[in-house]
Amino acid sequence: LTSLLSKARGAGIGLVLATQSLEDFTARLGSNSEKNRVLANISTRIVMRLQDTASCQFFSDQVVRTSIKTRSRTRTVANTSETLLLNGVSIGDRENVTIGVPMIAPDLYARLPKGEAFVICQGGRIFKIRIPFIHQNEEHHD
């Protein structure tokens, strides 16, 4: 499969691979290293709802990371007297912290509705798409 992908790309031919889990590649190809070689040769990935956490984590790691700022609020209550009526209360904000998170968190892949998918393009561009369902009429016209 790895050589087929490489030769097809060199000849300008596009291939479509479909699977329900990344572990299907491992089972079919026999090793994680071979699975990783195949995945490295795929430039555009269309990812619908996933069930296994390993696949969710893999695709989350494939997208760019973004920075978010967090701020925490603290509240301190101190008993300053023998009676409970006279308590000292202090409220303050802690400093803002910027952390890096994946643009698509792993759990979002597991929560995608039917017919929706993320498209991860080469170069890190991300799209969310909706695939319309085609309903067939029960009557068949010849």
Protein backbone atom coordinates (compact mmCIF):
# COMPACT_ATOMS: atom_id res chain seq x y z
CA LEU A 1 0.00 0.00 0.00
CA THR A 2 2.86 2.38 0.79
CA SER A 3 4.48 1.88 -2.61
CA LEU A 4 1.08 2.21 -4.33
CA LEU A 5 0.51 5.57 -2.63
CA SER A 6 3.99 6.80 -3.57
CA LYS A 7 3.72 5.68 -7.21
CA ALA A 8 0.20 7.07 -7.56
CA ARG A 9 1.28 10.45 -6.23
CA GLY A 10 4.24 10.50 -8.64
CA ALA A 11 1.90 9.73 -11.55
CA GLY A 12 -0.60 12.42 -10.51
CA ILE A 13 -3.26 9.90 -9.53
CA GLY A 14 -5.32 10.43 -6.40
CA LEU A 15 -6.38 7.55 -4.19
CA VAL A 16 -9.14 7.38 -1.60
CA LEU A 17 -8.60 5.25 1.49
CA ALA A 18 -11.44 4.64 3.91
CA THR A 19 -11.39 3.03 7.32
CA GLN A 20 -13.34 3.09 10.56
CA SER A 21 -10.28 3.07 12.80
CA LEU A 22 -6.55 3.59 12.43
CA GLU A 23 -6.08 0.17 13.99
CA ASP A 24 -7.54 -1.31 10.78
CA PHE A 25 -4.35 -0.16 9.02
CA THR A 26 -2.19 -1.78 11.68
CA ALA A 27 -4.10 -5.05 11.43
CA ARG A 28 -3.98 -5.09 7.63
CA LEU A 29 -0.38 -3.88 7.21
CA GLY A 30 1.09 -5.79 10.13
CA SER A 31 2.90 -3.06 12.05
CA ASN A 32 2.60 0.44 13.46
CA SER A 33 5.59 1.62 11.44
CA GLU A 34 3.93 0.57 8.17
CA LYS A 35 0.69 2.24 9.29
CA ASN A 36 2.63 5.43 10.02
CA ARG A 37 4.24 5.34 6.54
CA VAL A 38 0.81 5.07 4.92
CA LEU A 39 -0.62 7.90 7.04
CA ALA A 40 2.38 10.08 6.17
CA ASN A 41 1.50 9.72 2.46
CA ILE A 42 -2.08 10.95 2.88
CA SER A 43 -2.37 14.68 2.27
CA THR A 44 -6.10 15.37 2.80
CA ARG A 45 -8.04 13.63 5.54
CA ILE A 46 -11.81 13.62 5.88
CA VAL A 47 -12.62 12.56 9.43
CA MET A 48 -16.17 11.67 10.40
CA ARG A 49 -17.28 10.60 13.89
CA LEU A 50 -14.73 8.32 15.55
CA GLN A 51 -15.28 5.82 18.32
CA ASP A 52 -11.81 4.87 19.54
CA THR A 53 -9.73 7.30 21.58
CA ALA A 54 -6.45 6.47 19.82
CA SER A 55 -7.84 7.61 16.46
CA CYS A 56 -9.35 10.73 18.08
CA GLN A 57 -5.99 11.62 19.62
CA PHE A 58 -4.09 10.97 16.37
CA PHE A 59 -6.27 13.33 14.33
CA SER A 60 -6.25 15.94 17.09
CA ASP A 61 -2.45 15.89 16.96
CA GLN A 62 -2.57 16.49 13.18
CA VAL A 63 -4.15 19.94 13.41
CA VAL A 64 -2.50 23.18 14.40
CA ARG A 65 -2.50 24.29 18.00
CA THR A 66 -4.00 27.54 19.15
CA SER A 67 -3.42 29.65 22.24
CA ILE A 68 -6.07 30.43 24.79
CA LYS A 69 -5.87 32.60 27.87
CA THR A 70 -7.10 31.34 31.19
CA ARG A 71 -7.86 33.37 34.27
CA SER A 72 -8.67 32.02 37.65
CA ARG A 73 -10.53 33.73 40.43
CA THR A 74 -9.73 33.06 44.04
CA ARG A 75 -11.78 33.56 47.13
CA THR A 76 -10.34 33.34 50.60
CA VAL A 77 -12.40 33.28 53.75
CA ALA A 78 -10.65 33.75 57.04
CA ASN A 79 -12.19 33.61 60.48
CA THR A 80 -10.95 36.77 62.21
CA SER A 81 -12.91 36.45 65.39
CA GLU A 82 -14.41 33.95 67.76
CA THR A 83 -17.84 34.53 66.28
CA LEU A 84 -18.83 33.45 62.81
CA LEU A 85 -20.43 36.84 62.14
CA LEU A 86 -17.17 38.66 61.59
CA ASN A 87 -15.37 36.78 58.82
CA GLY A 88 -12.76 38.35 56.60
CA VAL A 89 -13.33 37.71 52.91
CA SER A 90 -10.77 38.36 50.20
CA ILE A 91 -11.48 37.99 46.48
CA GLY A 92 -8.80 38.33 43.83
CA ASP A 93 -7.86 37.43 40.28
CA ARG A 94 -4.79 35.41 39.46
CA GLU A 95 -2.61 36.24 36.51
CA ASN A 96 -3.67 35.30 33.01
CA VAL A 97 -1.94 32.23 31.65
CA THR A 98 -1.70 31.42 27.94
CA ILE A 99 -1.78 27.73 27.10
CA GLY A 100 -1.61 25.87 23.79
CA VAL A 101 -4.49 23.55 22.91
CA PRO A 102 -5.34 21.64 19.74
CA MET A 103 -7.68 23.47 17.38
CA ILE A 104 -9.90 20.35 17.44
CA ALA A 105 -9.93 18.60 20.81
CA PRO A 106 -9.95 14.77 20.66
CA ASP A 107 -13.43 14.49 22.17
CA LEU A 108 -14.94 16.60 19.36
CA TYR A 109 -14.25 13.80 16.87
CA ALA A 110 -16.30 11.41 19.00
CA ARG A 111 -19.18 13.91 19.29
CA LEU A 112 -19.60 14.79 15.62
CA PRO A 113 -23.22 14.49 14.48
CA LYS A 114 -24.12 12.12 11.64
CA GLY A 115 -23.21 13.55 8.27
CA GLU A 116 -20.62 16.01 9.57
CA ALA A 117 -16.86 15.77 9.23
CA PHE A 118 -13.63 17.69 9.62
CA VAL A 119 -11.41 18.06 6.56
CA ILE A 120 -7.74 18.39 7.43
CA CYS A 121 -5.78 19.62 4.41
CA GLN A 122 -2.07 19.58 3.81
CA GLY A 123 -0.59 22.71 5.32
CA GLY A 124 -2.93 22.69 8.31
CA ARG A 125 -6.09 24.19 6.81
CA ILE A 126 -9.20 22.87 8.53
CA PHE A 127 -12.81 22.82 7.36
CA LYS A 128 -15.95 21.45 8.92
CA ILE A 129 -18.35 20.07 6.36
CA ARG A 130 -21.84 18.66 6.29
CA ILE A 131 -22.68 15.83 3.94
CA PRO A 132 -26.35 15.87 2.94
CA PHE A 133 -28.32 12.67 3.18
CA ILE A 134 -30.04 11.52 0.02
CA HIS A 135 -33.40 10.00 0.82
CA GLN A 136 -34.82 7.64 -1.75
CA ASN A 137 -38.54 7.64 -2.37
CA GLU A 138 -40.25 4.39 -1.59
CA GLU A 139 -41.81 4.43 -5.04
CA HIS A 140 -39.44 3.49 -7.83
CA HIS A 141 -40.08 5.05 -11.20
CA ASP A 142 -38.77 3.28 -14.30
